[in-house]
PDB file of N, CA and C in Angstrom:
ATOM      1  N   MET A   1      10.097  -4.706  34.607  1.00  0.00           N
ATOM      2  CA  MET A   1       9.486  -4.757  35.884  1.00  0.00           C
ATOM      3  C   MET A   1       8.691  -3.379  36.103  1.00  0.00           C
ATOM      4  N   PRO A   2       7.433  -3.382  36.321  1.00  0.00           N
ATOM      5  CA  PRO A   2       6.787  -2.080  36.595  1.00  0.00           C
ATOM      6  C   PRO A   2       7.192  -1.221  37.634  1.00  0.00           C
ATOM      7  N   LEU A   3       7.067  -0.054  37.345  1.00  0.00           N
ATOM      8  CA  LEU A   3       7.279   0.987  38.411  1.00  0.00           C
ATOM      9  C   LEU A   3       6.437   0.783  39.638  1.00  0.00           C
ATOM     10  N   PRO A   4       6.670   1.315  40.707  1.00  0.00           N
ATOM     11  CA  PRO A   4       5.872   1.344  42.015  1.00  0.00           C
ATOM     12  C   PRO A   4       4.447   2.108  41.725  1.00  0.00           C
ATOM     13  N   ALA A   5       3.376   1.688  42.086  1.00  0.00           N
ATOM     14  CA  ALA A   5       2.174   2.269  41.724  1.00  0.00           C
ATOM     15  C   ALA A   5       2.123   3.768  42.335  1.00  0.00           C
ATOM     16  N   SER A   6       3.064   4.107  43.174  1.00  0.00           N
ATOM     17  CA  SER A   6       2.831   5.466  43.681  1.00  0.00           C
ATOM     18  C   SER A   6       3.736   6.590  42.819  1.00  0.00           C
ATOM     19  N   THR A   7       4.314   5.994  41.808  1.00  0.00           N
ATOM     20  CA  THR A   7       5.140   6.909  40.909  1.00  0.00           C
ATOM     21  C   THR A   7       4.268   7.786  40.010  1.00  0.00           C
ATOM     22  N   PRO A   8       4.135   8.949  40.243  1.00  0.00           N
ATOM     23  CA  PRO A   8       3.179   9.834  39.457  1.00  0.00           C
ATOM     24  C   PRO A   8       3.947  10.203  37.943  1.00  0.00           C
ATOM     25  N   THR A   9       3.221   9.991  36.987  1.00  0.00           N
ATOM     26  CA  THR A   9       3.790  10.282  35.623  1.00  0.00           C
ATOM     27  C   THR A   9       2.916  11.412  35.016  1.00  0.00           C
ATOM     28  N   HIS A  10       1.861  11.621  35.407  1.00  0.00           N
ATOM     29  CA  HIS A  10       1.041  12.814  34.685  1.00  0.00           C
ATOM     30  C   HIS A  10      -0.113  13.028  35.603  1.00  0.00           C
ATOM     31  N   ARG A  11      -0.323  14.406  35.743  1.00  0.00           N
ATOM     32  CA  ARG A  11      -1.466  14.833  36.735  1.00  0.00           C
ATOM     33  C   ARG A  11      -2.817  14.929  35.770  1.00  0.00           C
ATOM     34  N   PRO A  12      -3.839  14.410  35.936  1.00  0.00           N
ATOM     35  CA  PRO A  12      -5.060  14.242  35.185  1.00  0.00           C
ATOM     36  C   PRO A  12      -5.557  15.738  35.079  1.00  0.00           C
ATOM     37  N   GLY A  13      -5.983  16.130  33.826  1.00  0.00           N
ATOM     38  CA  GLY A  13      -6.409  17.410  33.626  1.00  0.00           C
ATOM     39  C   GLY A  13      -5.456  18.409  33.294  1.00  0.00           C
ATOM     40  N   THR A  14      -4.155  18.104  33.210  1.00  0.00           N
ATOM     41  CA  THR A  14      -3.226  19.064  32.774  1.00  0.00           C
ATOM     42  C   THR A  14      -2.866  18.595  31.465  1.00  0.00           C
ATOM     43  N   ALA A  15      -2.253  19.655  30.626  1.00  0.00           N
ATOM     44  CA  ALA A  15      -1.851  19.311  29.208  1.00  0.00           C
ATOM     45  C   ALA A  15      -0.342  18.676  29.242  1.00  0.00           C
ATOM     46  N   ILE A  16      -0.209  17.870  28.329  1.00  0.00           N
ATOM     47  CA  ILE A  16       1.261  17.246  28.290  1.00  0.00           C
ATOM     48  C   ILE A  16       1.989  18.141  27.308  1.00  0.00           C
ATOM     49  N   PRO A  17       3.083  18.899  27.601  1.00  0.00           N
ATOM     50  CA  PRO A  17       3.815  19.881  26.810  1.00  0.00           C
ATOM     51  C   PRO A  17       4.340  18.897  25.672  1.00  0.00           C
ATOM     52  N   SER A  18       4.570  19.548  24.529  1.00  0.00           N
ATOM     53  CA  SER A  18       5.215  18.988  23.264  1.00  0.00           C
ATOM     54  C   SER A  18       6.421  19.905  23.134  1.00  0.00           C
ATOM     55  N   PHE A  19       7.477  19.199  22.702  1.00  0.00           N
ATOM     56  CA  PHE A  19       8.834  19.598  22.387  1.00  0.00           C
ATOM     57  C   PHE A  19       9.492  19.248  21.233  1.00  0.00           C
ATOM     58  N   ALA A  20      10.397  20.061  20.699  1.00  0.00           N
ATOM     59  CA  ALA A  20      11.318  19.486  19.629  1.00  0.00           C
ATOM     60  C   ALA A  20      12.271  18.694  20.335  1.00  0.00           C
ATOM     61  N   LEU A  21      13.036  19.336  21.213  1.00  0.00           N
ATOM     62  CA  LEU A  21      13.901  18.609  22.170  1.00  0.00           C
ATOM     63  C   LEU A  21      13.490  19.075  23.550  1.00  0.00           C
ATOM     64  N   TYR A  22      13.656  18.325  24.446  1.00  0.00           N
ATOM     65  CA  TYR A  22      13.174  18.529  25.897  1.00  0.00           C
ATOM     66  C   TYR A  22      13.425  19.926  26.136  1.00  0.00           C
ATOM     67  N   GLY A  23      12.421  20.801  26.514  1.00  0.00           N
ATOM     68  CA  GLY A  23      12.684  22.087  27.125  1.00  0.00           C
ATOM     69  C   GLY A  23      12.828  23.213  25.919  1.00  0.00           C
ATOM     70  N   GLU A  24      12.770  22.881  24.543  1.00  0.00           N
ATOM     71  CA  GLU A  24      12.780  23.668  23.462  1.00  0.00           C
ATOM     72  C   GLU A  24      11.786  23.640  22.529  1.00  0.00           C
ATOM     73  N   ALA A  25      11.260  24.749  22.110  1.00  0.00           N
ATOM     74  CA  ALA A  25      10.319  24.707  21.041  1.00  0.00           C
ATOM     75  C   ALA A  25      10.811  24.462  19.702  1.00  0.00           C
ATOM     76  N   ALA A  26       9.984  23.921  18.831  1.00  0.00           N
ATOM     77  CA  ALA A  26      10.200  23.588  17.484  1.00  0.00           C
ATOM     78  C   ALA A  26      10.690  24.730  16.724  1.00  0.00           C
ATOM     79  N   THR A  27      11.722  24.774  15.778  1.00  0.00           N
ATOM     80  CA  THR A  27      12.099  25.697  15.004  1.00  0.00           C
ATOM     81  C   THR A  27      12.144  25.288  13.623  1.00  0.00           C
ATOM     82  N   LEU A  28      11.929  26.178  12.463  1.00  0.00           N
ATOM     83  CA  LEU A  28      12.117  25.767  11.112  1.00  0.00           C
ATOM     84  C   LEU A  28      13.509  25.381  10.806  1.00  0.00           C
ATOM     85  N   GLY A  29      13.623  24.361  10.038  1.00  0.00           N
ATOM     86  CA  GLY A  29      15.095  23.808   9.663  1.00  0.00           C
ATOM     87  C   GLY A  29      15.417  22.926  10.906  1.00  0.00           C
ATOM     88  N   GLN A  30      14.664  22.303  11.466  1.00  0.00           N
ATOM     89  CA  GLN A  30      15.063  21.563  12.616  1.00  0.00           C
ATOM     90  C   GLN A  30      15.880  20.457  12.010  1.00  0.00           C
ATOM     91  N   GLU A  31      16.995  20.144  12.698  1.00  0.00           N
ATOM     92  CA  GLU A  31      18.073  19.301  12.294  1.00  0.00           C
ATOM     93  C   GLU A  31      17.362  17.696  11.983  1.00  0.00           C
ATOM     94  N   MET A  32      18.050  16.943  11.010  1.00  0.00           N
ATOM     95  CA  MET A  32      17.447  15.591  10.670  1.00  0.00           C
ATOM     96  C   MET A  32      17.948  14.703  11.612  1.00  0.00           C
ATOM     97  N   LEU A  33      18.991  14.838  12.231  1.00  0.00           N
ATOM     98  CA  LEU A  33      19.669  14.024  13.052  1.00  0.00           C
ATOM     99  C   LEU A  33      20.158  14.738  14.485  1.00  0.00           C
ATOM    100  N   HIS A  34      19.769  14.400  15.519  1.00  0.00           N
ATOM    101  CA  HIS A  34      20.416  15.011  16.728  1.00  0.00           C
ATOM    102  C   HIS A  34      20.956  14.003  17.775  1.00  0.00           C
ATOM    103  N   ILE A  35      22.129  14.151  18.055  1.00  0.00           N
ATOM    104  CA  ILE A  35      22.728  13.180  19.030  1.00  0.00           C
ATOM    105  C   ILE A  35      23.361  14.159  20.142  1.00  0.00           C
ATOM    106  N   GLU A  36      23.153  13.524  21.503  1.00  0.00           N
ATOM    107  CA  GLU A  36      23.592  14.213  22.624  1.00  0.00           C
ATOM    108  C   GLU A  36      23.532  12.938  23.859  1.00  0.00           C
ATOM    109  N   GLU A  37      24.359  13.324  24.746  1.00  0.00           N
ATOM    110  CA  GLU A  37      24.359  12.436  25.881  1.00  0.00           C
ATOM    111  C   GLU A  37      23.292  12.912  26.790  1.00  0.00           C
ATOM    112  N   VAL A  38      22.459  11.982  27.219  1.00  0.00           N
ATOM    113  CA  VAL A  38      21.169  12.186  28.096  1.00  0.00           C
ATOM    114  C   VAL A  38      21.571  13.195  29.229  1.00  0.00           C
ATOM    115  N   GLN A  39      22.909  12.923  29.933  1.00  0.00           N
ATOM    116  CA  GLN A  39      23.081  13.714  30.995  1.00  0.00           C
ATOM    117  C   GLN A  39      23.366  15.351  30.741  1.00  0.00           C
ATOM    118  N   SER A  40      23.660  15.542  29.254  1.00  0.00           N
ATOM    119  CA  SER A  40      23.809  16.900  29.247  1.00  0.00           C
ATOM    120  C   SER A  40      22.556  17.858  29.237  1.00  0.00           C
ATOM    121  N   ARG A  41      21.403  17.231  28.859  1.00  0.00           N
ATOM    122  CA  ARG A  41      20.209  17.933  28.886  1.00  0.00           C
ATOM    123  C   ARG A  41      19.366  17.482  30.386  1.00  0.00           C
ATOM    124  N   SER A  42      19.553  16.242  30.917  1.00  0.00           N
ATOM    125  CA  SER A  42      18.912  16.053  32.048  1.00  0.00           C
ATOM    126  C   SER A  42      19.379  16.536  33.374  1.00  0.00           C
ATOM    127  N   ARG A  43      20.867  16.890  33.320  1.00  0.00           N
ATOM    128  CA  ARG A  43      21.396  17.650  34.441  1.00  0.00           C
ATOM    129  C   ARG A  43      20.666  19.038  34.573  1.00  0.00           C
ATOM    130  N   LEU A  44      20.357  19.787  33.549  1.00  0.00           N
ATOM    131  CA  LEU A  44      19.732  20.956  33.565  1.00  0.00           C
ATOM    132  C   LEU A  44      18.495  20.977  34.471  1.00  0.00           C
ATOM    133  N   TYR A  45      17.800  19.751  34.433  1.00  0.00           N
ATOM    134  CA  TYR A  45      16.467  19.685  34.955  1.00  0.00           C
ATOM    135  C   TYR A  45      16.583  18.654  36.295  1.00  0.00           C
ATOM    136  N   HIS A  46      17.678  18.589  36.705  1.00  0.00           N
ATOM    137  CA  HIS A  46      18.089  17.811  38.104  1.00  0.00           C
ATOM    138  C   HIS A  46      17.544  16.425  37.929  1.00  0.00           C
ATOM    139  N   TRP A  47      17.653  15.825  36.579  1.00  0.00           N
ATOM    140  CA  TRP A  47      17.496  14.496  36.394  1.00  0.00           C
ATOM    141  C   TRP A  47      16.003  14.138  36.620  1.00  0.00           C
ATOM    142  N   GLU A  48      15.127  15.053  36.716  1.00  0.00           N
ATOM    143  CA  GLU A  48      13.772  14.875  36.715  1.00  0.00           C
ATOM    144  C   GLU A  48      12.944  15.309  35.375  1.00  0.00           C
ATOM    145  N   ILE A  49      12.606  14.490  34.500  1.00  0.00           N
ATOM    146  CA  ILE A  49      12.163  14.483  33.157  1.00  0.00           C
ATOM    147  C   ILE A  49      10.641  14.495  33.439  1.00  0.00           C
ATOM    148  N   GLN A  50       9.779  15.501  33.082  1.00  0.00           N
ATOM    149  CA  GLN A  50       8.374  15.455  33.341  1.00  0.00           C
ATOM    150  C   GLN A  50       7.789  14.803  32.069  1.00  0.00           C
ATOM    151  N   PRO A  51       6.530  14.398  32.280  1.00  0.00           N
ATOM    152  CA  PRO A  51       5.888  13.816  31.122  1.00  0.00           C
ATOM    153  C   PRO A  51       5.860  14.901  29.916  1.00  0.00           C
ATOM    154  N   HIS A  52       6.055  14.495  28.723  1.00  0.00           N
ATOM    155  CA  HIS A  52       6.125  15.303  27.593  1.00  0.00           C
ATOM    156  C   HIS A  52       6.011  14.463  26.253  1.00  0.00           C
ATOM    157  N   VAL A  53       5.821  14.995  25.129  1.00  0.00           N
ATOM    158  CA  VAL A  53       5.819  14.483  23.876  1.00  0.00           C
ATOM    159  C   VAL A  53       6.432  15.098  22.839  1.00  0.00           C
ATOM    160  N   HIS A  54       7.081  14.261  21.831  1.00  0.00           N
ATOM    161  CA  HIS A  54       7.804  14.734  20.710  1.00  0.00           C
ATOM    162  C   HIS A  54       6.984  14.321  19.449  1.00  0.00           C
ATOM    163  N   HIS A  55       6.335  15.408  18.746  1.00  0.00           N
ATOM    164  CA  HIS A  55       5.491  14.865  17.569  1.00  0.00           C
ATOM    165  C   HIS A  55       6.266  14.623  16.485  1.00  0.00           C
ATOM    166  N   GLY A  56       7.418  15.275  16.410  1.00  0.00           N
ATOM    167  CA  GLY A  56       8.277  15.057  15.081  1.00  0.00           C
ATOM    168  C   GLY A  56       9.639  14.328  15.512  1.00  0.00           C
ATOM    169  N   LEU A  57       9.723  13.509  16.460  1.00  0.00           N
ATOM    170  CA  LEU A  57      11.001  13.237  16.854  1.00  0.00           C
ATOM    171  C   LEU A  57      11.118  11.662  17.249  1.00  0.00           C
ATOM    172  N   TYR A  58      11.777  10.954  16.487  1.00  0.00           N
ATOM    173  CA  TYR A  58      11.979   9.239  16.756  1.00  0.00           C
ATOM    174  C   TYR A  58      13.082   9.422  17.704  1.00  0.00           C
ATOM    175  N   GLN A  59      13.020   8.779  19.005  1.00  0.00           N
ATOM    176  CA  GLN A  59      14.080   8.720  19.818  1.00  0.00           C
ATOM    177  C   GLN A  59      14.585   7.400  20.053  1.00  0.00           C
ATOM    178  N   VAL A  60      15.976   7.161  20.132  1.00  0.00           N
ATOM    179  CA  VAL A  60      16.612   5.930  20.552  1.00  0.00           C
ATOM    180  C   VAL A  60      17.487   6.364  21.543  1.00  0.00           C
ATOM    181  N   LEU A  61      17.234   5.781  22.757  1.00  0.00           N
ATOM    182  CA  LEU A  61      18.124   6.154  24.089  1.00  0.00           C
ATOM    183  C   LEU A  61      18.870   4.811  24.430  1.00  0.00           C
ATOM    184  N   TRP A  62      20.174   5.076  24.492  1.00  0.00           N
ATOM    185  CA  TRP A  62      21.127   3.902  24.866  1.00  0.00           C
ATOM    186  C   TRP A  62      21.592   4.084  26.432  1.00  0.00           C
ATOM    187  N   LEU A  63      21.119   2.990  27.048  1.00  0.00           N
ATOM    188  CA  LEU A  63      21.628   3.086  28.641  1.00  0.00           C
ATOM    189  C   LEU A  63      22.721   2.030  28.518  1.00  0.00           C
ATOM    190  N   TYR A  64      23.838   2.575  28.761  1.00  0.00           N
ATOM    191  CA  TYR A  64      25.192   1.662  28.699  1.00  0.00           C
ATOM    192  C   TYR A  64      25.193   0.846  30.110  1.00  0.00           C
ATOM    193  N   GLN A  65      25.035   1.452  31.071  1.00  0.00           N
ATOM    194  CA  GLN A  65      25.141   0.702  32.365  1.00  0.00           C
ATOM    195  C   GLN A  65      24.262   1.487  33.436  1.00  0.00           C
ATOM    196  N   GLY A  66      23.802   0.974  34.680  1.00  0.00           N
ATOM    197  CA  GLY A  66      23.184   1.389  35.400  1.00  0.00           C
ATOM    198  C   GLY A  66      21.593   1.295  35.245  1.00  0.00           C
ATOM    199  N   GLN A  67      20.905   1.891  35.883  1.00  0.00           N
ATOM    200  CA  GLN A  67      19.280   1.811  35.740  1.00  0.00           C
ATOM    201  C   GLN A  67      18.527   3.155  35.556  1.00  0.00           C
ATOM    202  N   ALA A  68      17.470   2.952  34.861  1.00  0.00           N
ATOM    203  CA  ALA A  68      16.542   4.049  34.702  1.00  0.00           C
ATOM    204  C   ALA A  68      15.170   3.655  34.922  1.00  0.00           C
ATOM    205  N   GLN A  69      14.271   4.658  35.381  1.00  0.00           N
ATOM    206  CA  GLN A  69      12.809   4.305  35.299  1.00  0.00           C
ATOM    207  C   GLN A  69      12.214   4.992  34.133  1.00  0.00           C
ATOM    208  N   VAL A  70      11.414   4.231  33.491  1.00  0.00           N
ATOM    209  CA  VAL A  70      11.060   4.739  32.086  1.00  0.00           C
ATOM    210  C   VAL A  70       9.555   4.802  32.234  1.00  0.00           C
ATOM    211  N   ALA A  71       8.796   5.815  31.752  1.00  0.00           N
ATOM    212  CA  ALA A  71       7.335   5.693  31.547  1.00  0.00           C
ATOM    213  C   ALA A  71       7.163   6.254  30.338  1.00  0.00           C
ATOM    214  N   LEU A  72       6.466   5.392  29.539  1.00  0.00           N
ATOM    215  CA  LEU A  72       6.053   5.811  28.038  1.00  0.00           C
ATOM    216  C   LEU A  72       4.482   5.547  27.987  1.00  0.00           C
ATOM    217  N   ASP A  73       3.586   6.709  27.996  1.00  0.00           N
ATOM    218  CA  ASP A  73       2.157   6.421  28.200  1.00  0.00           C
ATOM    219  C   ASP A  73       1.903   5.490  29.210  1.00  0.00           C
ATOM    220  N   GLU A  74       1.250   4.436  28.938  1.00  0.00           N
ATOM    221  CA  GLU A  74       0.850   3.613  30.175  1.00  0.00           C
ATOM    222  C   GLU A  74       1.791   2.463  30.399  1.00  0.00           C
ATOM    223  N   TRP A  75       2.988   2.430  29.758  1.00  0.00           N
ATOM    224  CA  TRP A  75       3.995   1.437  30.037  1.00  0.00           C
ATOM    225  C   TRP A  75       5.054   1.964  30.972  1.00  0.00           C
ATOM    226  N   HIS A  76       5.345   1.433  32.006  1.00  0.00           N
ATOM    227  CA  HIS A  76       6.323   1.843  33.034  1.00  0.00           C
ATOM    228  C   HIS A  76       7.181   0.553  33.345  1.00  0.00           C
ATOM    229  N   ALA A  77       8.565   0.947  33.450  1.00  0.00           N
ATOM    230  CA  ALA A  77       9.535  -0.106  33.801  1.00  0.00           C
ATOM    231  C   ALA A  77      10.759   0.568  34.381  1.00  0.00           C
ATOM    232  N   GLU A  78      11.532  -0.282  34.970  1.00  0.00           N
ATOM    233  CA  GLU A  78      12.802  -0.054  35.411  1.00  0.00           C
ATOM    234  C   GLU A  78      13.708  -0.799  34.681  1.00  0.00           C
ATOM    235  N   VAL A  79      14.599  -0.116  33.899  1.00  0.00           N
ATOM    236  CA  VAL A  79      15.497  -0.596  32.822  1.00  0.00           C
ATOM    237  C   VAL A  79      16.754  -0.749  33.360  1.00  0.00           C
ATOM    238  N   THR A  80      17.527  -1.800  33.044  1.00  0.00           N
ATOM    239  CA  THR A  80      19.041  -1.927  33.422  1.00  0.00           C
ATOM    240  C   THR A  80      19.766  -2.228  32.371  1.00  0.00           C
ATOM    241  N   GLY A  81      20.979  -1.372  32.242  1.00  0.00           N
ATOM    242  CA  GLY A  81      21.834  -1.350  31.100  1.00  0.00           C
ATOM    243  C   GLY A  81      22.811  -2.578  30.937  1.00  0.00           C
ATOM    244  N   PRO A  82      23.027  -2.847  29.764  1.00  0.00           N
ATOM    245  CA  PRO A  82      23.047  -2.212  28.620  1.00  0.00           C
ATOM    246  C   PRO A  82      21.437  -2.638  28.091  1.00  0.00           C
ATOM    247  N   ALA A  83      21.029  -1.459  27.478  1.00  0.00           N
ATOM    248  CA  ALA A  83      19.527  -1.531  26.950  1.00  0.00           C
ATOM    249  C   ALA A  83      19.301  -0.268  26.002  1.00  0.00           C
ATOM    250  N   ALA A  84      18.485  -0.540  25.052  1.00  0.00           N
ATOM    251  CA  ALA A  84      17.976   0.414  23.982  1.00  0.00           C
ATOM    252  C   ALA A  84      16.618   0.645  24.291  1.00  0.00           C
ATOM    253  N   ILE A  85      16.268   2.041  24.480  1.00  0.00           N
ATOM    254  CA  ILE A  85      14.891   2.262  24.559  1.00  0.00           C
ATOM    255  C   ILE A  85      14.412   3.117  23.398  1.00  0.00           C
ATOM    256  N   VAL A  86      13.445   2.662  22.569  1.00  0.00           N
ATOM    257  CA  VAL A  86      13.126   3.151  21.360  1.00  0.00           C
ATOM    258  C   VAL A  86      11.546   3.734  21.652  1.00  0.00           C
ATOM    259  N   VAL A  87      11.505   5.075  21.323  1.00  0.00           N
ATOM    260  CA  VAL A  87      10.434   5.874  21.489  1.00  0.00           C
ATOM    261  C   VAL A  87      10.002   6.592  20.187  1.00  0.00           C
ATOM    262  N   PRO A  88       8.750   6.031  19.646  1.00  0.00           N
ATOM    263  CA  PRO A  88       8.394   6.582  18.304  1.00  0.00           C
ATOM    264  C   PRO A  88       7.759   7.940  18.672  1.00  0.00           C
ATOM    265  N   PRO A  89       7.523   8.908  17.407  1.00  0.00           N
ATOM    266  CA  PRO A  89       6.866  10.038  17.618  1.00  0.00           C
ATOM    267  C   PRO A  89       5.486  10.062  18.228  1.00  0.00           C
ATOM    268  N   GLY A  90       5.231  11.048  19.008  1.00  0.00           N
ATOM    269  CA  GLY A  90       4.011  11.175  19.552  1.00  0.00           C
ATOM    270  C   GLY A  90       3.602  10.284  21.037  1.00  0.00           C
ATOM    271  N   VAL A  91       4.610   9.669  21.341  1.00  0.00           N
ATOM    272  CA  VAL A  91       4.482   8.870  22.522  1.00  0.00           C
ATOM    273  C   VAL A  91       5.259   9.664  23.820  1.00  0.00           C
TER     274      VAL A  91
END
């Protein structure tokens, strides 16, 4: 199901930030596998994750229950758990 048209995902003319993990710069020796609960990082940002990209990170997000609004490039959806959301590097 597409998100409402009024949902902003990115302001034109602004650069999309790139992170190793959301809010963190890449470091040498970055771990090969990172596992964390989404709430541990999202809570720090008041559950509002802004448009961003991970160039060296393949993400698999597991939504056990509830709903989430997902915006990946031009694809927007409201996802209901249980669901897996797969995000390749660079998206």
